[in-house]
Amino acid sequence: MRARWAVALVIGGMGCSEAPWPRVVPEPAPHAQEAGATKAGEAAVAEAPAEKRAVTEVAVSAEAKAALDTLLGAYDTLHAALTRDSLDGVAAAGATLAEAARTARVVVGDATLEARLTEVEARARGLGGTDLEAVRTTFGEVSQALVPLVAAVAALREGRRVFLCPMAHGYQKWIQREPSLRNPYFGSKMLTCGEESSWAP
């Protein structure tokens, strides 16, 4: 029997002005609907913990916390610039972020965080370009390493939120302090596109 396909639209949060990309979703074959009901329920149960799992907390020293605060301050500068469609200060903030990641990596005392900081440092060193869209992509790569790092340190999560833009072409999450969503991946084009998300990577 030839499988049937249904097209589902991925709908973004309020403020997304562009048409969403279509996503093709397989429609279950009729004979599998009854027998598959239990399996579908089991799959939902199996997937839920991955998104809602408890974050493994990591304690860091005051020295490491200071370096991580500097890192996040530079990240906040990058975020603010990209929401304004600007590259002003981006190269300097990228250099500060990379250096703070290197400093924190030496003193953080946790292998997983060290690996994340190595990723952040490497990506941040690519933030000095003049192509706004390329910088946005690199900012997403930095965010991809930073979200799980901040998730693991309670003191860093304090006062910060994670948002997600379903329209972003690379990594779709970012961290910000402001409670009102400000999208760095599209800036003024779709500043309020997205929704608040979880700290799960």
N, C-alpha and C. Protein backbone atom coordinates (compact mmCIF):
# COMPACT_ATOMS: atom_id res chain seq x y z
N MET A 1 0.85 -1.19 0.00
CA MET A 1 0.00 0.00 0.00
C MET A 1 0.88 1.23 0.00
N ARG A 2 0.59 2.17 -0.86
CA ARG A 2 1.40 3.38 -0.95
C ARG A 2 1.09 4.30 0.23
N ALA A 3 2.14 4.76 0.91
CA ALA A 3 1.94 5.61 2.09
C ALA A 3 1.33 6.95 1.68
N ARG A 4 0.45 7.47 2.52
CA ARG A 4 -0.13 8.79 2.28
C ARG A 4 0.66 9.82 3.08
N TRP A 5 0.69 11.06 2.58
CA TRP A 5 1.46 12.11 3.24
C TRP A 5 0.56 13.32 3.48
N ALA A 6 0.74 13.92 4.60
CA ALA A 6 0.00 15.14 4.90
C ALA A 6 1.02 16.25 5.10
N VAL A 7 0.65 17.46 4.77
CA VAL A 7 1.56 18.60 4.95
C VAL A 7 1.09 19.40 6.14
N ALA A 8 2.00 19.58 7.10
CA ALA A 8 1.69 20.39 8.28
C ALA A 8 2.53 21.64 8.24
N LEU A 9 1.97 22.76 8.61
CA LEU A 9 2.72 24.01 8.64
C LEU A 9 3.30 24.22 10.02
N VAL A 10 4.57 24.64 10.03
CA VAL A 10 5.22 24.98 11.29
C VAL A 10 4.87 26.42 11.59
N ILE A 11 4.05 26.65 12.56
CA ILE A 11 3.59 28.01 12.85
C ILE A 11 4.45 28.63 13.93
N GLY A 12 5.03 29.77 13.66
CA GLY A 12 5.85 30.46 14.63
C GLY A 12 5.00 31.23 15.62
N GLY A 13 5.67 31.88 16.56
CA GLY A 13 4.97 32.67 17.57
C GLY A 13 4.46 33.97 16.98
N MET A 14 3.80 34.76 17.78
CA MET A 14 3.26 36.03 17.34
C MET A 14 4.38 36.92 16.83
N GLY A 15 4.11 37.66 15.80
CA GLY A 15 5.10 38.59 15.28
C GLY A 15 5.87 38.06 14.09
N CYS A 16 5.71 36.81 13.73
CA CYS A 16 6.41 36.25 12.57
C CYS A 16 5.64 36.65 11.32
N SER A 17 6.24 37.50 10.50
CA SER A 17 5.52 38.05 9.36
C SER A 17 5.71 37.27 8.08
N GLU A 18 6.73 36.39 8.02
CA GLU A 18 6.95 35.61 6.81
C GLU A 18 6.15 34.31 6.88
N ALA A 19 5.82 33.76 5.72
CA ALA A 19 5.11 32.49 5.69
C ALA A 19 6.03 31.40 6.21
N PRO A 20 5.52 30.51 7.08
CA PRO A 20 6.36 29.44 7.62
C PRO A 20 6.70 28.40 6.55
N TRP A 21 7.82 27.68 6.79
CA TRP A 21 8.21 26.61 5.87
C TRP A 21 7.29 25.42 6.06
N PRO A 22 6.84 24.77 4.98
CA PRO A 22 6.01 23.57 5.16
C PRO A 22 6.85 22.39 5.64
N ARG A 23 6.28 21.57 6.48
CA ARG A 23 6.96 20.36 6.94
C ARG A 23 6.09 19.17 6.55
N VAL A 24 6.67 18.21 5.86
CA VAL A 24 5.91 17.03 5.42
C VAL A 24 5.91 16.01 6.54
N VAL A 25 4.71 15.58 6.91
CA VAL A 25 4.56 14.64 8.02
C VAL A 25 3.88 13.38 7.50
N PRO A 26 4.46 12.18 7.72
CA PRO A 26 3.82 10.96 7.23
C PRO A 26 2.51 10.70 7.96
N GLU A 27 1.48 10.32 7.21
CA GLU A 27 0.19 9.97 7.80
C GLU A 27 0.16 8.47 8.00
N PRO A 28 -0.17 7.98 9.19
CA PRO A 28 -0.14 6.54 9.44
C PRO A 28 -1.07 5.78 8.50
N ALA A 29 -0.63 4.59 8.08
CA ALA A 29 -1.47 3.73 7.24
C ALA A 29 -2.65 3.26 8.08
N PRO A 30 -3.83 3.03 7.45
CA PRO A 30 -5.03 2.65 8.20
C PRO A 30 -4.84 1.45 9.10
N HIS A 31 -4.12 0.41 8.60
CA HIS A 31 -3.96 -0.81 9.41
C HIS A 31 -3.09 -0.57 10.63
N ALA A 32 -2.29 0.51 10.60
CA ALA A 32 -1.38 0.76 11.72
C ALA A 32 -1.99 1.68 12.76
N GLN A 33 -3.15 2.30 12.43
CA GLN A 33 -3.70 3.28 13.35
C GLN A 33 -4.13 2.66 14.67
N GLU A 34 -4.81 1.49 14.61
CA GLU A 34 -5.26 0.88 15.85
C GLU A 34 -4.09 0.31 16.63
N ALA A 35 -3.26 -0.50 15.95
CA ALA A 35 -2.14 -1.13 16.65
C ALA A 35 -1.11 -0.11 17.05
N GLY A 36 -1.03 0.97 16.26
CA GLY A 36 0.00 1.96 16.53
C GLY A 36 -0.36 2.94 17.62
N ALA A 37 -1.61 2.94 18.09
CA ALA A 37 -2.01 3.90 19.10
C ALA A 37 -1.19 3.76 20.36
N THR A 38 -0.99 2.51 20.80
CA THR A 38 -0.20 2.29 22.01
C THR A 38 1.24 2.69 21.79
N LYS A 39 1.79 2.32 20.60
CA LYS A 39 3.18 2.67 20.33
C LYS A 39 3.38 4.17 20.28
N ALA A 40 2.41 4.90 19.70
CA ALA A 40 2.52 6.35 19.64
C ALA A 40 2.52 6.93 21.04
N GLY A 41 1.65 6.38 21.91
CA GLY A 41 1.62 6.84 23.30
C GLY A 41 2.92 6.57 24.00
N GLU A 42 3.51 5.40 23.72
CA GLU A 42 4.80 5.06 24.33
C GLU A 42 5.88 6.00 23.85
N ALA A 43 5.84 6.37 22.55
CA ALA A 43 6.85 7.27 22.00
C ALA A 43 6.76 8.63 22.66
N ALA A 44 5.51 9.11 22.89
CA ALA A 44 5.34 10.41 23.52
C ALA A 44 5.91 10.41 24.92
N VAL A 45 5.69 9.30 25.64
CA VAL A 45 6.24 9.20 26.99
C VAL A 45 7.76 9.16 26.95
N ALA A 46 8.30 8.46 25.95
CA ALA A 46 9.75 8.33 25.86
C ALA A 46 10.40 9.65 25.50
N GLU A 47 9.71 10.48 24.68
CA GLU A 47 10.31 11.74 24.24
C GLU A 47 10.20 12.83 25.29
N ALA A 48 9.18 12.80 26.11
CA ALA A 48 8.95 13.88 27.06
C ALA A 48 10.13 14.15 27.99
N PRO A 49 10.75 13.11 28.59
CA PRO A 49 11.83 13.38 29.52
C PRO A 49 13.01 14.12 28.87
N ALA A 50 13.25 13.92 27.58
CA ALA A 50 14.38 14.58 26.91
C ALA A 50 14.22 16.09 26.95
N GLU A 51 12.99 16.59 26.82
CA GLU A 51 12.76 18.03 26.82
C GLU A 51 12.60 18.57 28.24
N LYS A 52 12.04 17.73 29.13
CA LYS A 52 11.72 18.22 30.47
C LYS A 52 12.66 17.66 31.55
N ARG A 53 13.74 17.02 31.11
CA ARG A 53 14.62 16.40 32.09
C ARG A 53 15.23 17.46 33.02
N ALA A 54 15.55 17.05 34.23
CA ALA A 54 16.15 17.96 35.18
C ALA A 54 17.55 18.35 34.71
N VAL A 55 17.89 19.61 34.90
CA VAL A 55 19.22 20.08 34.53
C VAL A 55 20.22 19.63 35.58
N THR A 56 21.35 19.07 35.15
CA THR A 56 22.39 18.68 36.07
C THR A 56 23.13 19.93 36.52
N GLU A 57 23.05 20.23 37.79
CA GLU A 57 23.66 21.45 38.32
C GLU A 57 25.16 21.28 38.52
N VAL A 58 25.90 22.31 38.17
CA VAL A 58 27.35 22.33 38.36
C VAL A 58 27.71 23.55 39.20
N ALA A 59 28.47 23.34 40.26
CA ALA A 59 28.93 24.46 41.09
C ALA A 59 30.25 24.97 40.53
N VAL A 60 30.41 26.28 40.46
CA VAL A 60 31.65 26.87 39.95
C VAL A 60 32.23 27.82 41.00
N SER A 61 33.52 28.02 40.93
CA SER A 61 34.20 28.91 41.86
C SER A 61 33.85 30.37 41.57
N ALA A 62 34.16 31.25 42.51
CA ALA A 62 33.92 32.68 42.31
C ALA A 62 34.74 33.19 41.13
N GLU A 63 35.94 32.67 40.96
CA GLU A 63 36.79 33.08 39.84
C GLU A 63 36.17 32.69 38.50
N ALA A 64 35.66 31.46 38.43
CA ALA A 64 35.02 31.01 37.20
C ALA A 64 33.73 31.78 36.95
N LYS A 65 32.97 32.04 38.01
CA LYS A 65 31.72 32.80 37.88
C LYS A 65 32.00 34.20 37.34
N ALA A 66 33.08 34.83 37.80
CA ALA A 66 33.41 36.17 37.31
C ALA A 66 33.73 36.15 35.82
N ALA A 67 34.48 35.13 35.38
CA ALA A 67 34.80 35.02 33.96
C ALA A 67 33.55 34.74 33.14
N LEU A 68 32.66 33.91 33.67
CA LEU A 68 31.42 33.59 32.96
C LEU A 68 30.48 34.80 32.89
N ASP A 69 30.50 35.64 33.93
CA ASP A 69 29.71 36.86 33.90
C ASP A 69 30.22 37.81 32.82
N THR A 70 31.55 37.89 32.68
CA THR A 70 32.13 38.71 31.62
C THR A 70 31.74 38.18 30.25
N LEU A 71 31.79 36.86 30.11
CA LEU A 71 31.40 36.20 28.87
C LEU A 71 29.95 36.55 28.50
N LEU A 72 29.05 36.43 29.48
CA LEU A 72 27.64 36.69 29.20
C LEU A 72 27.37 38.17 28.95
N GLY A 73 28.16 39.04 29.56
CA GLY A 73 28.03 40.47 29.28
C GLY A 73 28.36 40.77 27.82
N ALA A 74 29.41 40.12 27.30
CA ALA A 74 29.78 40.28 25.89
C ALA A 74 28.70 39.69 24.99
N TYR A 75 28.15 38.56 25.40
CA TYR A 75 27.06 37.92 24.64
C TYR A 75 25.85 38.85 24.57
N ASP A 76 25.52 39.50 25.70
CA ASP A 76 24.40 40.44 25.73
C ASP A 76 24.64 41.60 24.75
N THR A 77 25.89 42.05 24.66
CA THR A 77 26.24 43.13 23.72
C THR A 77 26.00 42.68 22.28
N LEU A 78 26.41 41.45 21.98
CA LEU A 78 26.19 40.89 20.64
C LEU A 78 24.69 40.80 20.33
N HIS A 79 23.94 40.28 21.28
CA HIS A 79 22.50 40.15 21.10
C HIS A 79 21.86 41.50 20.80
N ALA A 80 22.21 42.52 21.59
CA ALA A 80 21.63 43.85 21.41
C ALA A 80 21.97 44.43 20.03
N ALA A 81 23.22 44.25 19.59
CA ALA A 81 23.63 44.77 18.28
C ALA A 81 22.84 44.11 17.16
N LEU A 82 22.67 42.79 17.24
CA LEU A 82 21.98 42.07 16.17
C LEU A 82 20.50 42.40 16.12
N THR A 83 19.89 42.71 17.26
CA THR A 83 18.48 43.11 17.23
C THR A 83 18.32 44.47 16.56
N ARG A 84 19.41 45.25 16.53
CA ARG A 84 19.39 46.57 15.86
C ARG A 84 19.91 46.49 14.43
N ASP A 85 20.20 45.28 13.95
CA ASP A 85 20.78 45.09 12.61
C ASP A 85 22.11 45.81 12.47
N SER A 86 22.89 45.80 13.54
CA SER A 86 24.14 46.56 13.57
C SER A 86 25.33 45.64 13.86
N LEU A 87 26.48 46.02 13.33
CA LEU A 87 27.73 45.32 13.65
C LEU A 87 28.63 46.17 14.55
N ASP A 88 28.13 47.32 14.99
CA ASP A 88 28.92 48.18 15.87
C ASP A 88 29.23 47.46 17.17
N GLY A 89 30.51 47.35 17.48
CA GLY A 89 30.94 46.72 18.72
C GLY A 89 30.95 45.22 18.70
N VAL A 90 30.54 44.61 17.60
CA VAL A 90 30.45 43.15 17.53
C VAL A 90 31.82 42.49 17.59
N ALA A 91 32.79 43.00 16.83
CA ALA A 91 34.13 42.40 16.82
C ALA A 91 34.76 42.46 18.21
N ALA A 92 34.63 43.61 18.88
CA ALA A 92 35.19 43.76 20.23
C ALA A 92 34.49 42.84 21.22
N ALA A 93 33.17 42.75 21.10
CA ALA A 93 32.42 41.86 22.01
C ALA A 93 32.79 40.41 21.76
N GLY A 94 32.99 40.05 20.49
CA GLY A 94 33.40 38.68 20.17
C GLY A 94 34.76 38.35 20.76
N ALA A 95 35.70 39.29 20.69
CA ALA A 95 37.03 39.08 21.27
C ALA A 95 36.94 38.95 22.79
N THR A 96 36.12 39.79 23.42
CA THR A 96 35.94 39.71 24.88
C THR A 96 35.32 38.38 25.27
N LEU A 97 34.33 37.95 24.50
CA LEU A 97 33.65 36.69 24.77
C LEU A 97 34.63 35.52 24.65
N ALA A 98 35.44 35.53 23.61
CA ALA A 98 36.42 34.44 23.40
C ALA A 98 37.44 34.40 24.53
N GLU A 99 37.94 35.56 24.93
CA GLU A 99 38.94 35.60 26.00
C GLU A 99 38.35 35.18 27.34
N ALA A 100 37.12 35.60 27.61
CA ALA A 100 36.45 35.20 28.85
C ALA A 100 36.20 33.69 28.86
N ALA A 101 35.86 33.12 27.71
CA ALA A 101 35.66 31.67 27.62
C ALA A 101 36.97 30.94 27.90
N ARG A 102 38.08 31.46 27.36
CA ARG A 102 39.39 30.84 27.59
C ARG A 102 39.75 30.89 29.08
N THR A 103 39.52 32.05 29.70
CA THR A 103 39.82 32.22 31.12
C THR A 103 38.97 31.28 31.97
N ALA A 104 37.68 31.24 31.69
CA ALA A 104 36.77 30.39 32.46
C ALA A 104 37.10 28.92 32.29
N ARG A 105 37.50 28.53 31.08
CA ARG A 105 37.81 27.13 30.80
C ARG A 105 38.93 26.61 31.69
N VAL A 106 39.89 27.46 31.98
CA VAL A 106 41.05 27.07 32.79
C VAL A 106 40.67 26.83 34.25
N VAL A 107 39.64 27.56 34.73
CA VAL A 107 39.34 27.51 36.17
C VAL A 107 37.98 26.89 36.52
N VAL A 108 37.20 26.48 35.50
CA VAL A 108 35.83 26.06 35.78
C VAL A 108 35.75 24.73 36.52
N GLY A 109 36.72 23.84 36.31
CA GLY A 109 36.77 22.60 37.09
C GLY A 109 35.72 21.57 36.75
N ASP A 110 35.18 21.58 35.53
CA ASP A 110 34.20 20.59 35.12
C ASP A 110 34.45 20.28 33.65
N ALA A 111 34.61 19.00 33.32
CA ALA A 111 34.99 18.61 31.96
C ALA A 111 33.94 18.99 30.92
N THR A 112 32.67 18.84 31.27
CA THR A 112 31.60 19.17 30.32
C THR A 112 31.57 20.67 30.05
N LEU A 113 31.69 21.47 31.10
CA LEU A 113 31.70 22.91 30.90
C LEU A 113 32.95 23.35 30.13
N GLU A 114 34.07 22.70 30.40
CA GLU A 114 35.30 23.01 29.65
C GLU A 114 35.10 22.79 28.16
N ALA A 115 34.44 21.69 27.81
CA ALA A 115 34.19 21.39 26.40
C ALA A 115 33.28 22.45 25.78
N ARG A 116 32.26 22.87 26.51
CA ARG A 116 31.36 23.92 26.00
C ARG A 116 32.11 25.23 25.82
N LEU A 117 32.96 25.55 26.76
CA LEU A 117 33.72 26.80 26.69
C LEU A 117 34.72 26.78 25.54
N THR A 118 35.27 25.62 25.25
CA THR A 118 36.15 25.49 24.08
C THR A 118 35.38 25.81 22.81
N GLU A 119 34.15 25.30 22.71
CA GLU A 119 33.29 25.59 21.55
C GLU A 119 32.97 27.08 21.47
N VAL A 120 32.60 27.67 22.60
CA VAL A 120 32.26 29.09 22.62
C VAL A 120 33.45 29.93 22.16
N GLU A 121 34.63 29.62 22.70
CA GLU A 121 35.82 30.37 22.33
C GLU A 121 36.09 30.29 20.83
N ALA A 122 36.04 29.08 20.29
CA ALA A 122 36.32 28.90 18.86
C ALA A 122 35.31 29.64 17.99
N ARG A 123 34.04 29.56 18.33
CA ARG A 123 33.01 30.24 17.54
C ARG A 123 33.11 31.75 17.68
N ALA A 124 33.36 32.22 18.89
CA ALA A 124 33.40 33.66 19.14
C ALA A 124 34.50 34.35 18.36
N ARG A 125 35.57 33.64 18.07
CA ARG A 125 36.68 34.24 17.32
C ARG A 125 36.28 34.50 15.87
N GLY A 126 35.14 33.99 15.43
CA GLY A 126 34.66 34.24 14.08
C GLY A 126 33.64 35.36 14.00
N LEU A 127 33.53 36.15 15.06
CA LEU A 127 32.51 37.20 15.10
C LEU A 127 33.02 38.56 14.62
N GLY A 128 34.15 38.60 13.96
CA GLY A 128 34.70 39.88 13.54
C GLY A 128 34.42 40.26 12.11
N GLY A 129 33.57 39.51 11.42
CA GLY A 129 33.33 39.76 10.00
C GLY A 129 32.44 40.97 9.75
N THR A 130 32.22 41.28 8.49
CA THR A 130 31.39 42.42 8.11
C THR A 130 30.09 41.99 7.44
N ASP A 131 29.84 40.71 7.37
CA ASP A 131 28.61 40.18 6.80
C ASP A 131 27.62 39.92 7.94
N LEU A 132 26.58 40.74 8.01
CA LEU A 132 25.63 40.67 9.12
C LEU A 132 24.99 39.29 9.25
N GLU A 133 24.60 38.69 8.13
CA GLU A 133 23.94 37.39 8.19
C GLU A 133 24.91 36.30 8.64
N ALA A 134 26.17 36.39 8.23
CA ALA A 134 27.18 35.42 8.67
C ALA A 134 27.41 35.56 10.17
N VAL A 135 27.42 36.80 10.67
CA VAL A 135 27.59 37.02 12.11
C VAL A 135 26.41 36.45 12.87
N ARG A 136 25.22 36.60 12.32
CA ARG A 136 24.03 36.02 12.97
C ARG A 136 24.15 34.50 13.05
N THR A 137 24.64 33.88 12.00
CA THR A 137 24.81 32.42 12.00
C THR A 137 25.82 32.01 13.07
N THR A 138 26.92 32.76 13.16
CA THR A 138 27.95 32.46 14.17
C THR A 138 27.42 32.69 15.58
N PHE A 139 26.61 33.74 15.75
CA PHE A 139 25.98 33.99 17.05
C PHE A 139 25.12 32.79 17.44
N GLY A 140 24.43 32.19 16.47
CA GLY A 140 23.65 30.99 16.75
C GLY A 140 24.52 29.83 17.19
N GLU A 141 25.69 29.69 16.58
CA GLU A 141 26.62 28.62 16.96
C GLU A 141 27.16 28.84 18.37
N VAL A 142 27.43 30.11 18.70
CA VAL A 142 27.84 30.44 20.07
C VAL A 142 26.71 30.08 21.04
N SER A 143 25.50 30.45 20.68
CA SER A 143 24.33 30.17 21.53
C SER A 143 24.14 28.67 21.74
N GLN A 144 24.40 27.89 20.71
CA GLN A 144 24.22 26.44 20.80
C GLN A 144 25.13 25.84 21.87
N ALA A 145 26.33 26.38 22.02
CA ALA A 145 27.24 25.90 23.06
C ALA A 145 26.91 26.54 24.41
N LEU A 146 26.38 27.76 24.37
CA LEU A 146 26.17 28.52 25.61
C LEU A 146 24.91 28.13 26.35
N VAL A 147 23.84 27.79 25.63
CA VAL A 147 22.58 27.46 26.30
C VAL A 147 22.74 26.31 27.30
N PRO A 148 23.34 25.16 26.91
CA PRO A 148 23.50 24.09 27.90
C PRO A 148 24.49 24.44 29.00
N LEU A 149 25.46 25.29 28.71
CA LEU A 149 26.42 25.71 29.73
C LEU A 149 25.72 26.52 30.81
N VAL A 150 24.95 27.53 30.39
CA VAL A 150 24.23 28.37 31.35
C VAL A 150 23.16 27.55 32.08
N ALA A 151 22.57 26.60 31.37
CA ALA A 151 21.55 25.74 31.99
C ALA A 151 22.11 24.98 33.18
N ALA A 152 23.39 24.67 33.14
CA ALA A 152 24.01 23.85 34.19
C ALA A 152 24.43 24.65 35.42
N VAL A 153 24.42 25.97 35.33
CA VAL A 153 24.89 26.80 36.45
C VAL A 153 23.76 27.72 36.88
N ALA A 154 23.15 27.42 38.02
CA ALA A 154 21.96 28.13 38.47
C ALA A 154 22.19 29.63 38.58
N ALA A 155 23.36 30.03 39.06
CA ALA A 155 23.65 31.45 39.25
C ALA A 155 23.68 32.21 37.92
N LEU A 156 23.99 31.52 36.83
CA LEU A 156 24.01 32.16 35.51
C LEU A 156 22.61 32.27 34.92
N ARG A 157 21.74 31.32 35.25
CA ARG A 157 20.37 31.35 34.73
C ARG A 157 19.54 32.47 35.36
N GLU A 158 19.92 32.88 36.54
CA GLU A 158 19.14 33.87 37.27
C GLU A 158 18.99 35.17 36.46
N GLY A 159 17.75 35.56 36.22
CA GLY A 159 17.50 36.80 35.47
C GLY A 159 17.62 36.66 33.97
N ARG A 160 17.81 35.43 33.49
CA ARG A 160 17.94 35.21 32.04
C ARG A 160 16.86 34.26 31.56
N ARG A 161 16.51 34.42 30.28
CA ARG A 161 15.49 33.59 29.66
C ARG A 161 16.02 33.03 28.35
N VAL A 162 15.40 31.95 27.91
CA VAL A 162 15.74 31.36 26.61
C VAL A 162 14.54 31.55 25.69
N PHE A 163 14.81 32.01 24.47
CA PHE A 163 13.77 32.15 23.46
C PHE A 163 14.15 31.32 22.24
N LEU A 164 13.15 31.04 21.41
CA LEU A 164 13.36 30.23 20.21
C LEU A 164 12.61 30.86 19.05
N CYS A 165 13.28 30.92 17.89
CA CYS A 165 12.63 31.40 16.67
C CYS A 165 12.52 30.23 15.70
N PRO A 166 11.31 29.78 15.39
CA PRO A 166 11.14 28.64 14.48
C PRO A 166 11.51 28.97 13.04
N MET A 167 11.70 30.25 12.73
CA MET A 167 12.05 30.65 11.38
C MET A 167 13.56 30.69 11.15
N ALA A 168 14.36 30.65 12.21
CA ALA A 168 15.82 30.73 12.08
C ALA A 168 16.33 29.51 11.32
N HIS A 169 17.31 29.72 10.45
CA HIS A 169 17.79 28.64 9.59
C HIS A 169 18.88 27.79 10.24
N GLY A 170 19.57 28.32 11.25
CA GLY A 170 20.57 27.54 11.96
C GLY A 170 20.03 27.16 13.34
N TYR A 171 20.87 27.31 14.37
CA TYR A 171 20.40 27.07 15.74
C TYR A 171 19.33 28.11 16.06
N GLN A 172 18.26 27.71 16.69
CA GLN A 172 17.09 28.58 16.81
C GLN A 172 16.89 29.24 18.17
N LYS A 173 17.74 28.91 19.14
CA LYS A 173 17.56 29.48 20.48
C LYS A 173 18.59 30.58 20.76
N TRP A 174 18.28 31.40 21.74
CA TRP A 174 19.24 32.38 22.24
C TRP A 174 18.86 32.74 23.67
N ILE A 175 19.77 33.41 24.36
CA ILE A 175 19.57 33.82 25.77
C ILE A 175 19.45 35.33 25.80
N GLN A 176 18.55 35.83 26.65
CA GLN A 176 18.49 37.28 26.84
C GLN A 176 17.99 37.60 28.24
N ARG A 177 18.27 38.82 28.68
CA ARG A 177 17.81 39.28 29.99
C ARG A 177 16.41 39.89 29.92
N GLU A 178 16.14 40.63 28.84
CA GLU A 178 14.85 41.30 28.73
C GLU A 178 13.71 40.29 28.69
N PRO A 179 12.62 40.57 29.40
CA PRO A 179 11.47 39.65 29.37
C PRO A 179 10.74 39.67 28.03
N SER A 180 10.82 40.80 27.30
CA SER A 180 10.17 40.89 26.00
C SER A 180 11.10 40.36 24.92
N LEU A 181 10.60 39.43 24.13
CA LEU A 181 11.39 38.78 23.09
C LEU A 181 11.95 39.80 22.10
N ARG A 182 13.26 39.68 21.82
CA ARG A 182 13.94 40.51 20.83
C ARG A 182 14.82 39.58 20.00
N ASN A 183 14.39 39.32 18.79
CA ASN A 183 14.98 38.28 17.94
C ASN A 183 16.29 38.75 17.29
N PRO A 184 17.43 38.13 17.62
CA PRO A 184 18.71 38.53 17.03
C PRO A 184 18.95 37.93 15.64
N TYR A 185 18.18 36.91 15.28
CA TYR A 185 18.39 36.23 14.00
C TYR A 185 17.76 36.96 12.82
N PHE A 186 16.76 37.82 13.11
CA PHE A 186 16.11 38.59 12.06
C PHE A 186 16.12 40.09 12.33
N GLY A 187 16.39 40.50 13.57
CA GLY A 187 16.45 41.92 13.89
C GLY A 187 15.14 42.62 13.57
N SER A 188 15.23 43.82 12.99
CA SER A 188 14.03 44.63 12.75
C SER A 188 13.06 43.98 11.78
N LYS A 189 13.54 43.05 10.99
CA LYS A 189 12.67 42.37 10.01
C LYS A 189 11.57 41.57 10.71
N MET A 190 11.93 40.89 11.79
CA MET A 190 10.96 40.10 12.57
C MET A 190 11.40 40.09 14.03
N LEU A 191 11.41 41.27 14.64
CA LEU A 191 11.98 41.44 15.98
C LEU A 191 11.25 40.63 17.04
N THR A 192 9.97 40.42 16.87
CA THR A 192 9.19 39.71 17.91
C THR A 192 8.79 38.30 17.49
N CYS A 193 9.46 37.77 16.47
CA CYS A 193 9.14 36.41 16.03
C CYS A 193 9.75 35.39 16.98
N GLY A 194 8.96 34.49 17.51
CA GLY A 194 9.46 33.42 18.37
C GLY A 194 8.62 33.24 19.60
N GLU A 195 9.18 32.54 20.56
CA GLU A 195 8.48 32.24 21.81
C GLU A 195 9.50 31.87 22.87
N GLU A 196 9.08 32.01 24.13
CA GLU A 196 9.96 31.59 25.22
C GLU A 196 10.09 30.08 25.20
N SER A 197 11.29 29.59 25.48
CA SER A 197 11.57 28.15 25.37
C SER A 197 12.18 27.64 26.66
N SER A 198 12.65 26.39 26.62
CA SER A 198 13.25 25.75 27.79
C SER A 198 14.77 25.81 27.69
N TRP A 199 15.44 25.45 28.77
CA TRP A 199 16.90 25.41 28.78
C TRP A 199 17.45 24.12 28.17
N ALA A 200 16.58 23.18 27.84
CA ALA A 200 17.05 21.95 27.20
C ALA A 200 17.68 22.30 25.87
N PRO A 201 18.86 21.73 25.54
CA PRO A 201 19.55 22.08 24.29
C PRO A 201 18.72 21.84 23.06
